[in-house]
Amino acid sequence: MLTLLCCVVAVVYLVPTWAALALHSKKKGQIVVLNLLTGWTVAGWCCALTLAVLWRHQDERSPVVRTRS
């Protein structure tokens, strides 16, 4: 039972790191370090997850460019 609990805690703890990698965040390394060093606090974990989402790589084709006719 303790092993299962440790596994669940480890998975939840690393969610910001996995989000940064899955979303191709611009500053993956900084997010991983932030998560590992401050992820044990609720504020640090939330900050790492927020930055992983906000710093995601934007597709260059996504902005709509309008030309005047």
Protein backbone atom coordinates (compact mmCIF):
# COMPACT_ATOMS: atom_id res chain seq x y z
CA MET A 1 0.00 0.00 0.00
CA LEU A 2 2.84 2.37 0.83
CA THR A 3 4.48 1.62 -2.51
CA LEU A 4 1.31 2.51 -4.38
CA LEU A 5 1.00 5.77 -2.47
CA CYS A 6 4.62 6.67 -3.25
CA CYS A 7 4.05 5.98 -6.94
CA VAL A 8 0.93 8.15 -7.03
CA VAL A 9 2.74 11.00 -5.26
CA ALA A 10 5.67 10.74 -7.68
CA VAL A 11 3.36 10.85 -10.71
CA VAL A 12 1.48 13.89 -9.42
CA TYR A 13 4.75 15.60 -8.43
CA LEU A 14 6.11 15.31 -11.98
CA VAL A 15 2.99 16.53 -13.81
CA PRO A 16 4.49 20.02 -14.51
CA THR A 17 7.63 18.42 -15.95
CA TRP A 18 5.62 16.12 -18.20
CA ALA A 19 3.40 19.03 -19.25
CA ALA A 20 6.46 21.08 -20.21
CA LEU A 21 7.83 18.22 -22.29
CA ALA A 22 4.49 17.35 -23.91
CA LEU A 23 3.69 20.98 -24.78
CA HIS A 24 7.22 21.62 -26.07
CA SER A 25 7.67 24.53 -23.67
CA LYS A 26 10.32 27.06 -24.61
CA LYS A 27 12.13 26.82 -21.25
CA LYS A 28 11.84 23.13 -20.40
CA GLY A 29 15.02 23.10 -18.34
CA GLN A 30 13.95 25.95 -16.11
CA ILE A 31 10.55 24.37 -15.53
CA VAL A 32 12.12 21.01 -14.63
CA VAL A 33 14.53 22.64 -12.16
CA LEU A 34 11.73 24.73 -10.65
CA ASN A 35 9.55 21.64 -10.30
CA LEU A 36 12.29 19.55 -8.71
CA LEU A 37 13.41 22.25 -6.27
CA THR A 38 10.09 23.83 -5.29
CA GLY A 39 7.50 21.30 -6.46
CA TRP A 40 7.14 19.92 -2.94
CA THR A 41 5.34 23.13 -2.01
CA VAL A 42 1.89 23.78 -3.41
CA ALA A 43 2.94 27.24 -4.63
CA GLY A 44 6.05 25.92 -6.41
CA TRP A 45 4.13 23.08 -8.04
CA CYS A 46 1.37 25.44 -9.25
CA CYS A 47 3.96 27.92 -10.53
CA ALA A 48 5.82 25.20 -12.47
CA LEU A 49 2.59 23.91 -14.00
CA THR A 50 1.45 27.43 -14.93
CA LEU A 51 4.79 28.24 -16.58
CA ALA A 52 4.75 24.94 -18.46
CA VAL A 53 1.43 25.91 -20.01
CA LEU A 54 2.19 29.61 -20.56
CA TRP A 55 5.65 29.07 -22.05
CA ARG A 56 4.52 26.46 -24.55
CA HIS A 57 5.89 26.67 -28.06
CA GLN A 58 3.56 28.63 -30.29
CA ASP A 59 3.09 27.43 -33.83
CA GLU A 60 4.41 30.04 -36.27
CA ARG A 61 1.41 29.49 -38.51
CA SER A 62 -1.11 30.31 -35.80
CA PRO A 63 -1.19 34.14 -36.00
CA VAL A 64 -3.69 35.39 -38.53
CA VAL A 65 -2.20 38.01 -40.81
CA ARG A 66 -4.74 40.21 -42.47
CA THR A 67 -3.89 42.12 -45.59
CA ARG A 68 -5.67 45.18 -46.78
CA SER A 69 -7.56 44.82 -50.06
